[in-house]
Amino acid sequence: MKRTSSPIAKRIAAVACVGLAAVCFGTGVTPAWALGAAGGGDKSEALRYANALSNAFAGAAEAIQPSVVSIRAVKHFKPVGHGMQSFGELPEGLPLDNELLQRFFGGRLAPQQMPTQEGLGSGVIVSDDGYILTNNHVAGNADELTVEMHDGKLYPAKVIGVDPMTDLAVIRVDAKNLKAANLGNSEGLKIGEWVVAAGSPFGLTDTITAGIVSAKGRSNVRIADYEDFIQTDAAINPGNSGGPLVDLNGNVIGINTAIASRSGGNNGIGFAIPINMARSIMDSLIHDGKVTRGWLGVSIQPLDEALANSFGYEGTDGVLIGDVLTDGPAEHAGLKSGDIVTKYDGAEVKDPTTLRNRIAGTAPDSKVEFEVFRNGRTKSIEVTIGRMKGDEHAAMASADLNVDLGMTMSEVSPQAASALGLSSTDGVLVSSIDPGGAAALSGLRLNDVILAVGNTPIDGVRDLQKKLRDADLATGVRLTVRTGETNHFVMLRSHGS
């Protein structure tokens, strides 16, 4: 059926075109599609904008490529049984020249060639005297490192320092007057911003790919202990690890680290360590050969709506302190279990990952102002951050909660307390649990000790049963639970809620 345009429709179209032009010209931008929609422009105008974008990518590539290196890592493995007689002395009279017997019994064999494993990765030059930033999984375990520069020159490299908790490493070559990359500011990065990834995917040196910033602050990716990844759809493939992610000005804003892929190839989901985090780690590795992190001495967990409401707190932004470790910085400052941290050093805290990373990045002995919600009021507490030791980072980890009564409860006997390493017989022990029951779905585990319901301590199994009968389990009731050596909170809900 033929369509006709009414006078009203024509007026609407005209107004729409004027509105579109106003939006475009008001921002100082006149895209080719906008000119076409308004009835003006031609192919040359469209090409002008396309070429401008193309030149921006070319400029970014030209700026970063001299600073990108390819890294070949070799790991040697000692052969099993080399120079040994695996089954003791061989019996007399055996045909020892028999190759099959030699292979089976081991022992009197000719020296075997040491097996090796090779890997390829990328890196970025960060100083003109040879320091290179890359991933720990690229260079950290290597026995030999060879770096290939943009001009094809090869240099042996040595490891200066590694940080497995962030998957970063610094290596160095004996060279001068290298082209160091300009390190940018990842804090100001915007979602949707164009970025370029540089490196040697599949060993193909000087490779550039382009995409956008898909997301920021990605955590729980299970790549490293401390995660705050930039997600991008710029093609990142095996071999890109350790190379730079740059903005269109050629500034490094991330270190390419991993991809989310079932096939091993690029699926448009890559992750890069923000350069602001990487810079701090890099400086520590160069100057000290190790990373020193701040430590608070608490266990922390996220808030959901029910858990927040149980404390009289509105919203779910903030971090709940589940337990405060004895004689740690938090206890000395007066932080308590049940405090909800809302600000750290004046900056808002929305989730455990953010707080954990900020504390770790704070220099030990620094004084930091915490803003916490406690008993319906906001309170400021100054804390002197401690120094994390190798065995303490787990104490800063978020409580692992699964969030739904299929369980058997028992008193905490002296024998049970001794076997479980408990300091007292307080509370009620979860002695068995149904994996599909309400307790398990709420986050309770076998051998957990329930210490309190709401703010009221538990006095044995009967007391706990009574309190649970009186509670509204459809909405949920807050439990204080000890798992191992730390306390945390669980919202116990009836099945199906």
Foldseek 3Di string as FASTA:
>chain_A
DDDDDDPVNVVVLQVVLVVLVCVQVVVVHDAQVNQVSNPHDDPVRNVVVVVVVVVLQVLLLVQFQQFKKKKKFKAWDDDPLFQHFQVPDDDPPDPVVPPVVCVVGRHPDDGDDTDMDMAMAMWGAADQQFKTKFFCVHYVRGPWMWMAGSVGDIFTKAWLAHDQQQRMTIIGTGGGRGNHFAADALVPFDFFAKKKQAWQAVNNHSDIWIWTFHDWQDDPPPRHNADTWTWWQTWDAGRSGHTFIGHSNNHGQWGWHAADDPVRGRPRTTITHGVVLVVLQVVCSNPPVGAKFWAAAFAKAWDDCLRCVLQVHPDGFFIFTFFGDPPGQCVVFPHGHGKTWQDKQRHGGGGLSVVLSVRGSDDAQDWIWTWTAHNNDIDIIITGIHIDDPPCSVRSYYDDWQAFQFFDKFFQDPVNCVVLVHPDRFAIAGQGGDCPFGCNNQGDDHGKGWQAWSPGGADTDVRVVVVVVPDQQQSFIWTWIDDRHTIGITTGHHPPD
